[in-house]
């Protein structure tokens, strides 16, 4: 009888020792999945970078002419209000390689909101973009880059495929990279629809040309649907 009890205790102890590893497996997988769901640059061997423009408060004729003449593929993270206010100008810059993605409905910091509020912000913004451009966004950029675990849950609920951050920012005649190095292939560059955008964009284009890089469409590299990347990349010309 004593041997049976001792064996039972050993079996129970072994089970308890194994339990933490079993419990941790889903957490590890979840962390890995979230890491791949949130990106701030693209792993690629192609000599490309990705120009993204946020918000949508200032859109000049000169900017529109620059985007169209250079045939620059741009990933736009435009707010719902800007879609209404600047829809004519935004429609003008539509071309292969340019997409309109999700930047929330009211530009509130996601980390300060509940899961329900985050889901509402993202899903409602999806509806506005689809209503204006007939395509559902596949990327979401949280305002200010602010996000938490609920942001991932909310984004996935709304059909988002990736949360897209950035690792290079350009404004006011400066290009700043988070690592302090020069721009490299795969970098995601953040600009804003401000009065300084046209000059900032020209600075970025000159710099990436000097480095032997070219702008490409994020959807060609991150969208799960297979797309031929060469159709929407471009070589900069004078």
C-alpha atoms as a PDB file:
ATOM      1  CA  UNK A   1       0.000   0.000   0.000  1.00  0.00           C
ATOM      2  CA  UNK A   2       2.855   2.332   0.924  1.00  0.00           C
ATOM      3  CA  UNK A   3       4.555   1.755  -2.419  1.00  0.00           C
ATOM      4  CA  UNK A   4       1.334   2.581  -4.294  1.00  0.00           C
ATOM      5  CA  UNK A   5       0.910   5.833  -2.383  1.00  0.00           C
ATOM      6  CA  UNK A   6       4.561   6.762  -2.976  1.00  0.00           C
ATOM      7  CA  UNK A   7       4.182   6.079  -6.710  1.00  0.00           C
ATOM      8  CA  UNK A   8       1.050   8.201  -6.824  1.00  0.00           C
ATOM      9  CA  UNK A   9       2.865  11.067  -5.094  1.00  0.00           C
ATOM     10  CA  UNK A  10       5.742  10.841  -7.584  1.00  0.00           C
ATOM     11  CA  UNK A  11       3.328  10.888 -10.520  1.00  0.00           C
ATOM     12  CA  UNK A  12       1.487  13.905  -9.092  1.00  0.00           C
ATOM     13  CA  UNK A  13       4.770  15.738  -8.447  1.00  0.00           C
ATOM     14  CA  UNK A  14       5.950  15.091 -11.993  1.00  0.00           C
ATOM     15  CA  UNK A  15       2.678  16.438 -13.319  1.00  0.00           C
ATOM     16  CA  UNK A  16       2.955  19.584 -11.215  1.00  0.00           C
ATOM     17  CA  UNK A  17       6.540  20.154 -12.331  1.00  0.00           C
ATOM     18  CA  UNK A  18       5.520  19.840 -15.963  1.00  0.00           C
ATOM     19  CA  UNK A  19       2.532  22.169 -15.554  1.00  0.00           C
ATOM     20  CA  UNK A  20       4.429  25.499 -15.748  1.00  0.00           C
ATOM     21  CA  UNK A  21       5.951  24.570 -19.099  1.00  0.00           C
ATOM     22  CA  UNK A  22       2.538  23.582 -20.419  1.00  0.00           C
ATOM     23  CA  UNK A  23       1.004  26.823 -19.196  1.00  0.00           C
ATOM     24  CA  UNK A  24       3.813  28.915 -20.670  1.00  0.00           C
ATOM     25  CA  UNK A  25       3.613  27.484 -24.186  1.00  0.00           C
ATOM     26  CA  UNK A  26       0.519  29.461 -25.256  1.00  0.00           C
ATOM     27  CA  UNK A  27       1.990  32.662 -23.765  1.00  0.00           C
ATOM     28  CA  UNK A  28       5.210  32.197 -25.721  1.00  0.00           C
ATOM     29  CA  UNK A  29       3.312  31.551 -28.934  1.00  0.00           C
ATOM     30  CA  UNK A  30       1.082  34.566 -28.288  1.00  0.00           C
ATOM     31  CA  UNK A  31       4.097  36.817 -27.729  1.00  0.00           C
ATOM     32  CA  UNK A  32       5.714  35.559 -30.929  1.00  0.00           C
ATOM     33  CA  UNK A  33       2.504  36.042 -32.905  1.00  0.00           C
ATOM     34  CA  UNK A  34       2.073  39.600 -31.605  1.00  0.00           C
ATOM     35  CA  UNK A  35       5.685  40.409 -32.473  1.00  0.00           C
ATOM     36  CA  UNK A  36       5.140  39.382 -36.097  1.00  0.00           C
ATOM     37  CA  UNK A  37       1.817  41.235 -36.168  1.00  0.00           C
ATOM     38  CA  UNK A  38       3.463  44.549 -35.195  1.00  0.00           C
ATOM     39  CA  UNK A  39       6.188  45.783 -37.566  1.00  0.00           C
ATOM     40  CA  UNK A  40       8.381  48.876 -37.731  1.00  0.00           C
ATOM     41  CA  UNK A  41      10.448  47.790 -40.729  1.00  0.00           C
ATOM     42  CA  UNK A  42      10.324  45.144 -43.459  1.00  0.00           C
ATOM     43  CA  UNK A  43      12.759  42.260 -43.819  1.00  0.00           C
ATOM     44  CA  UNK A  44      13.725  42.329 -47.497  1.00  0.00           C
ATOM     45  CA  UNK A  45      16.759  41.976 -49.730  1.00  0.00           C
ATOM     46  CA  UNK A  46      15.293  44.437 -52.240  1.00  0.00           C
ATOM     47  CA  UNK A  47      16.737  47.989 -52.267  1.00  0.00           C
ATOM     48  CA  UNK A  48      13.435  49.532 -51.184  1.00  0.00           C
ATOM     49  CA  UNK A  49      12.014  51.713 -48.421  1.00  0.00           C
ATOM     50  CA  UNK A  50       8.414  52.553 -47.589  1.00  0.00           C
ATOM     51  CA  UNK A  51       6.977  56.057 -47.466  1.00  0.00           C
ATOM     52  CA  UNK A  52       4.014  56.457 -45.148  1.00  0.00           C
ATOM     53  CA  UNK A  53       2.075  59.679 -44.548  1.00  0.00           C
ATOM     54  CA  UNK A  54      -0.230  60.242 -41.585  1.00  0.00           C
ATOM     55  CA  UNK A  55      -3.263  62.354 -40.692  1.00  0.00           C
ATOM     56  CA  UNK A  56      -4.219  64.503 -43.720  1.00  0.00           C
ATOM     57  CA  UNK A  57      -4.596  68.118 -42.588  1.00  0.00           C
ATOM     58  CA  UNK A  58      -2.555  69.893 -45.314  1.00  0.00           C
ATOM     59  CA  UNK A  59      -2.571  68.690 -48.923  1.00  0.00           C
ATOM     60  CA  UNK A  60      -1.206  71.246 -51.384  1.00  0.00           C
ATOM     61  CA  UNK A  61      -1.323  71.255 -55.186  1.00  0.00           C
ATOM     62  CA  UNK A  62       2.491  71.142 -55.187  1.00  0.00           C
ATOM     63  CA  UNK A  63       2.472  68.003 -53.087  1.00  0.00           C
ATOM     64  CA  UNK A  64      -0.066  66.303 -55.319  1.00  0.00           C
ATOM     65  CA  UNK A  65       1.999  67.220 -58.392  1.00  0.00           C
ATOM     66  CA  UNK A  66       5.160  65.828 -56.758  1.00  0.00           C
ATOM     67  CA  UNK A  67       3.523  62.518 -55.805  1.00  0.00           C
ATOM     68  CA  UNK A  68       2.060  62.051 -59.280  1.00  0.00           C
ATOM     69  CA  UNK A  69       5.057  63.219 -61.323  1.00  0.00           C
ATOM     70  CA  UNK A  70       7.469  60.977 -59.425  1.00  0.00           C
ATOM     71  CA  UNK A  71       4.926  58.116 -59.326  1.00  0.00           C
ATOM     72  CA  UNK A  72       5.661  57.584 -55.657  1.00  0.00           C
ATOM     73  CA  UNK A  73       3.868  54.663 -53.980  1.00  0.00           C
ATOM     74  CA  UNK A  74       2.572  55.965 -50.656  1.00  0.00           C
ATOM     75  CA  UNK A  75       0.887  54.201 -47.767  1.00  0.00           C
ATOM     76  CA  UNK A  76      -1.563  56.724 -46.320  1.00  0.00           C
ATOM     77  CA  UNK A  77      -2.737  56.515 -42.727  1.00  0.00           C
ATOM     78  CA  UNK A  78      -5.421  59.161 -43.033  1.00  0.00           C
ATOM     79  CA  UNK A  79      -7.943  60.118 -40.356  1.00  0.00           C
ATOM     80  CA  UNK A  80     -11.660  59.787 -40.992  1.00  0.00           C
ATOM     81  CA  UNK A  81     -12.216  63.560 -40.836  1.00  0.00           C
ATOM     82  CA  UNK A  82      -9.479  64.159 -43.411  1.00  0.00           C
ATOM     83  CA  UNK A  83     -11.162  61.675 -45.752  1.00  0.00           C
ATOM     84  CA  UNK A  84     -14.206  63.941 -45.735  1.00  0.00           C
ATOM     85  CA  UNK A  85     -12.398  67.287 -45.843  1.00  0.00           C
ATOM     86  CA  UNK A  86      -9.690  66.478 -48.409  1.00  0.00           C
ATOM     87  CA  UNK A  87     -11.324  63.704 -50.413  1.00  0.00           C
ATOM     88  CA  UNK A  88     -10.819  65.463 -53.786  1.00  0.00           C
ATOM     89  CA  UNK A  89      -7.073  65.910 -53.282  1.00  0.00           C
ATOM     90  CA  UNK A  90      -6.663  62.424 -51.825  1.00  0.00           C
ATOM     91  CA  UNK A  91      -8.485  60.885 -54.778  1.00  0.00           C
ATOM     92  CA  UNK A  92      -6.080  62.709 -57.093  1.00  0.00           C
ATOM     93  CA  UNK A  93      -3.057  60.933 -55.652  1.00  0.00           C
ATOM     94  CA  UNK A  94      -4.539  57.480 -56.119  1.00  0.00           C
ATOM     95  CA  UNK A  95      -2.360  55.358 -58.358  1.00  0.00           C
ATOM     96  CA  UNK A  96      -1.015  51.783 -58.409  1.00  0.00           C
ATOM     97  CA  UNK A  97       1.017  51.255 -55.259  1.00  0.00           C
ATOM     98  CA  UNK A  98      -0.762  53.917 -53.218  1.00  0.00           C
ATOM     99  CA  UNK A  99      -3.116  52.682 -50.532  1.00  0.00           C
ATOM    100  CA  UNK A 100      -5.299  54.162 -47.799  1.00  0.00           C
ATOM    101  CA  UNK A 101      -5.038  52.408 -44.481  1.00  0.00           C
ATOM    102  CA  UNK A 102      -6.406  52.796 -40.938  1.00  0.00           C
ATOM    103  CA  UNK A 103      -5.235  55.458 -38.470  1.00  0.00           C
ATOM    104  CA  UNK A 104      -8.261  55.271 -36.129  1.00  0.00           C
ATOM    105  CA  UNK A 105     -11.396  57.373 -36.270  1.00  0.00           C
ATOM    106  CA  UNK A 106     -10.566  60.205 -33.855  1.00  0.00           C
ATOM    107  CA  UNK A 107      -6.780  59.959 -33.275  1.00  0.00           C
ATOM    108  CA  UNK A 108      -7.029  58.959 -29.613  1.00  0.00           C
ATOM    109  CA  UNK A 109      -4.155  57.106 -27.931  1.00  0.00           C
ATOM    110  CA  UNK A 110      -5.021  53.427 -28.068  1.00  0.00           C
ATOM    111  CA  UNK A 111      -3.269  52.562 -24.804  1.00  0.00           C
ATOM    112  CA  UNK A 112      -5.639  54.902 -22.929  1.00  0.00           C
ATOM    113  CA  UNK A 113      -8.758  53.148 -24.241  1.00  0.00           C
ATOM    114  CA  UNK A 114     -10.601  49.969 -23.336  1.00  0.00           C
ATOM    115  CA  UNK A 115     -10.754  47.018 -25.701  1.00  0.00           C
ATOM    116  CA  UNK A 116     -14.306  48.002 -26.676  1.00  0.00           C
ATOM    117  CA  UNK A 117     -13.268  51.584 -27.402  1.00  0.00           C
ATOM    118  CA  UNK A 118     -10.227  50.520 -29.418  1.00  0.00           C
ATOM    119  CA  UNK A 119     -12.332  48.124 -31.466  1.00  0.00           C
ATOM    120  CA  UNK A 120     -14.831  50.898 -32.182  1.00  0.00           C
ATOM    121  CA  UNK A 121     -12.063  53.327 -33.219  1.00  0.00           C
ATOM    122  CA  UNK A 122     -10.503  50.848 -35.645  1.00  0.00           C
ATOM    123  CA  UNK A 123     -13.629  49.227 -37.085  1.00  0.00           C
ATOM    124  CA  UNK A 124     -15.410  52.557 -37.638  1.00  0.00           C
ATOM    125  CA  UNK A 125     -12.343  53.979 -39.401  1.00  0.00           C
ATOM    126  CA  UNK A 126     -12.305  50.886 -41.636  1.00  0.00           C
ATOM    127  CA  UNK A 127     -15.839  51.725 -42.697  1.00  0.00           C
ATOM    128  CA  UNK A 128     -14.903  55.321 -43.570  1.00  0.00           C
ATOM    129  CA  UNK A 129     -11.947  54.258 -45.702  1.00  0.00           C
ATOM    130  CA  UNK A 130     -13.958  51.602 -47.492  1.00  0.00           C
ATOM    131  CA  UNK A 131     -16.759  54.084 -48.122  1.00  0.00           C
ATOM    132  CA  UNK A 132     -14.355  56.534 -49.767  1.00  0.00           C
ATOM    133  CA  UNK A 133     -11.930  54.224 -51.590  1.00  0.00           C
ATOM    134  CA  UNK A 134     -13.870  50.968 -52.017  1.00  0.00           C
ATOM    135  CA  UNK A 135     -11.099  48.956 -50.380  1.00  0.00           C
ATOM    136  CA  UNK A 136     -10.856  47.762 -46.787  1.00  0.00           C
ATOM    137  CA  UNK A 137      -7.608  48.702 -44.978  1.00  0.00           C
ATOM    138  CA  UNK A 138      -5.244  45.859 -44.159  1.00  0.00           C
ATOM    139  CA  UNK A 139      -2.856  47.908 -41.996  1.00  0.00           C
ATOM    140  CA  UNK A 140      -3.434  49.920 -38.828  1.00  0.00           C
ATOM    141  CA  UNK A 141      -1.159  52.593 -37.400  1.00  0.00           C
ATOM    142  CA  UNK A 142      -2.028  53.595 -33.841  1.00  0.00           C
ATOM    143  CA  UNK A 143      -1.817  57.371 -33.292  1.00  0.00           C
ATOM    144  CA  UNK A 144       1.549  58.242 -31.789  1.00  0.00           C
ATOM    145  CA  UNK A 145       2.499  54.569 -31.998  1.00  0.00           C
ATOM    146  CA  UNK A 146       0.635  54.030 -28.712  1.00  0.00           C
ATOM    147  CA  UNK A 147      -0.588  50.450 -28.338  1.00  0.00           C
ATOM    148  CA  UNK A 148      -1.037  47.555 -25.909  1.00  0.00           C
ATOM    149  CA  UNK A 149      -2.204  43.939 -26.013  1.00  0.00           C
ATOM    150  CA  UNK A 150      -5.818  45.058 -26.490  1.00  0.00           C
ATOM    151  CA  UNK A 151      -4.786  46.965 -29.615  1.00  0.00           C
ATOM    152  CA  UNK A 152      -3.711  43.697 -31.213  1.00  0.00           C
ATOM    153  CA  UNK A 153      -6.992  42.023 -30.255  1.00  0.00           C
ATOM    154  CA  UNK A 154      -9.058  44.962 -31.524  1.00  0.00           C
ATOM    155  CA  UNK A 155      -7.120  45.227 -34.791  1.00  0.00           C
ATOM    156  CA  UNK A 156      -7.575  41.528 -35.520  1.00  0.00           C
ATOM    157  CA  UNK A 157     -11.289  41.770 -34.714  1.00  0.00           C
ATOM    158  CA  UNK A 158     -11.567  44.487 -37.364  1.00  0.00           C
ATOM    159  CA  UNK A 159      -9.760  42.411 -39.999  1.00  0.00           C
ATOM    160  CA  UNK A 160      -6.409  44.214 -39.817  1.00  0.00           C
ATOM    161  CA  UNK A 161      -3.440  42.119 -41.021  1.00  0.00           C
ATOM    162  CA  UNK A 162      -0.571  44.154 -39.533  1.00  0.00           C
ATOM    163  CA  UNK A 163      -0.022  46.997 -37.083  1.00  0.00           C
ATOM    164  CA  UNK A 164       2.509  49.215 -38.867  1.00  0.00           C
ATOM    165  CA  UNK A 165       4.812  51.504 -36.899  1.00  0.00           C
ATOM    166  CA  UNK A 166       7.992  53.153 -38.265  1.00  0.00           C
ATOM    167  CA  UNK A 167      11.722  53.468 -37.622  1.00  0.00           C
ATOM    168  CA  UNK A 168      12.501  56.661 -39.576  1.00  0.00           C
ATOM    169  CA  UNK A 169      10.821  60.066 -39.288  1.00  0.00           C
ATOM    170  CA  UNK A 170      11.221  63.067 -41.585  1.00  0.00           C
ATOM    171  CA  UNK A 171      10.098  66.644 -40.904  1.00  0.00           C
ATOM    172  CA  UNK A 172      11.355  70.228 -40.811  1.00  0.00           C
ATOM    173  CA  UNK A 173      14.381  69.506 -43.005  1.00  0.00           C
ATOM    174  CA  UNK A 174      15.579  66.594 -40.884  1.00  0.00           C
ATOM    175  CA  UNK A 175      15.595  62.821 -41.242  1.00  0.00           C
ATOM    176  CA  UNK A 176      15.803  60.981 -37.939  1.00  0.00           C
ATOM    177  CA  UNK A 177      16.236  57.215 -37.631  1.00  0.00           C
ATOM    178  CA  UNK A 178      15.601  55.503 -34.306  1.00  0.00           C
ATOM    179  CA  UNK A 179      18.926  53.651 -34.465  1.00  0.00           C
ATOM    180  CA  UNK A 180      20.864  56.767 -35.407  1.00  0.00           C
ATOM    181  CA  UNK A 181      22.163  55.163 -38.615  1.00  0.00           C
ATOM    182  CA  UNK A 182      21.418  56.137 -42.216  1.00  0.00           C
ATOM    183  CA  UNK A 183      18.321  54.908 -44.022  1.00  0.00           C
ATOM    184  CA  UNK A 184      18.537  51.245 -45.019  1.00  0.00           C
ATOM    185  CA  UNK A 185      16.479  48.880 -47.136  1.00  0.00           C
ATOM    186  CA  UNK A 186      13.261  47.822 -45.467  1.00  0.00           C
ATOM    187  CA  UNK A 187      12.918  51.004 -43.406  1.00  0.00           C
ATOM    188  CA  UNK A 188       9.438  52.466 -42.915  1.00  0.00           C
ATOM    189  CA  UNK A 189       9.529  56.259 -43.111  1.00  0.00           C
ATOM    190  CA  UNK A 190       6.962  58.419 -41.325  1.00  0.00           C
ATOM    191  CA  UNK A 191       5.853  61.816 -42.626  1.00  0.00           C
ATOM    192  CA  UNK A 192       2.764  63.916 -41.904  1.00  0.00           C
ATOM    193  CA  UNK A 193       0.417  65.973 -44.026  1.00  0.00           C
ATOM    194  CA  UNK A 194       1.813  69.271 -42.757  1.00  0.00           C
ATOM    195  CA  UNK A 195       2.914  72.477 -44.497  1.00  0.00           C
ATOM    196  CA  UNK A 196       6.466  71.098 -44.455  1.00  0.00           C
ATOM    197  CA  UNK A 197       5.550  67.794 -46.134  1.00  0.00           C
ATOM    198  CA  UNK A 198       6.520  68.737 -49.698  1.00  0.00           C
ATOM    199  CA  UNK A 199      10.022  69.859 -48.696  1.00  0.00           C
ATOM    200  CA  UNK A 200      10.440  66.899 -46.310  1.00  0.00           C
ATOM    201  CA  UNK A 201       9.412  64.452 -49.014  1.00  0.00           C
ATOM    202  CA  UNK A 202      11.883  65.977 -51.483  1.00  0.00           C
ATOM    203  CA  UNK A 203      14.610  65.587 -48.868  1.00  0.00           C
ATOM    204  CA  UNK A 204      13.713  61.924 -48.344  1.00  0.00           C
ATOM    205  CA  UNK A 205      13.609  61.197 -52.071  1.00  0.00           C
ATOM    206  CA  UNK A 206      17.026  62.800 -52.596  1.00  0.00           C
ATOM    207  CA  UNK A 207      18.517  60.848 -49.695  1.00  0.00           C
ATOM    208  CA  UNK A 208      17.198  57.433 -50.688  1.00  0.00           C
ATOM    209  CA  UNK A 209      18.306  58.035 -54.277  1.00  0.00           C
ATOM    210  CA  UNK A 210      21.806  58.844 -52.993  1.00  0.00           C
ATOM    211  CA  UNK A 211      21.768  55.570 -51.076  1.00  0.00           C
ATOM    212  CA  UNK A 212      20.646  53.538 -54.096  1.00  0.00           C
ATOM    213  CA  UNK A 213      17.183  52.866 -52.704  1.00  0.00           C
ATOM    214  CA  UNK A 214      13.710  53.404 -54.090  1.00  0.00           C
ATOM    215  CA  UNK A 215      10.203  53.718 -52.620  1.00  0.00           C
ATOM    216  CA  UNK A 216       7.885  50.722 -52.769  1.00  0.00           C
ATOM    217  CA  UNK A 217       4.360  49.818 -51.722  1.00  0.00           C
ATOM    218  CA  UNK A 218       3.909  48.268 -48.284  1.00  0.00           C
ATOM    219  CA  UNK A 219       1.075  46.136 -49.605  1.00  0.00           C
ATOM    220  CA  UNK A 220       3.487  44.481 -52.022  1.00  0.00           C
ATOM    221  CA  UNK A 221       5.667  43.346 -49.138  1.00  0.00           C
ATOM    222  CA  UNK A 222       3.357  42.889 -46.147  1.00  0.00           C
ATOM    223  CA  UNK A 223      -0.063  42.100 -47.574  1.00  0.00           C
ATOM    224  CA  UNK A 224      -0.725  38.333 -47.323  1.00  0.00           C
ATOM    225  CA  UNK A 225      -2.159  38.333 -50.844  1.00  0.00           C
ATOM    226  CA  UNK A 226       0.545  37.530 -53.444  1.00  0.00           C
ATOM    227  CA  UNK A 227       1.463  40.605 -55.487  1.00  0.00           C
ATOM    228  CA  UNK A 228       4.320  41.213 -57.917  1.00  0.00           C
ATOM    229  CA  UNK A 229       6.401  43.845 -56.147  1.00  0.00           C
ATOM    230  CA  UNK A 230       8.054  45.253 -59.246  1.00  0.00           C
ATOM    231  CA  UNK A 231       4.746  46.643 -60.527  1.00  0.00           C
ATOM    232  CA  UNK A 232       4.632  49.403 -57.925  1.00  0.00           C
ATOM    233  CA  UNK A 233       8.229  50.259 -57.208  1.00  0.00           C
ATOM    234  CA  UNK A 234       9.894  53.117 -59.034  1.00  0.00           C
ATOM    235  CA  UNK A 235      13.338  54.437 -59.815  1.00  0.00           C
ATOM    236  CA  UNK A 236      13.711  58.106 -58.908  1.00  0.00           C
ATOM    237  CA  UNK A 237      14.653  60.460 -61.693  1.00  0.00           C
ATOM    238  CA  UNK A 238      15.696  64.076 -61.745  1.00  0.00           C
END
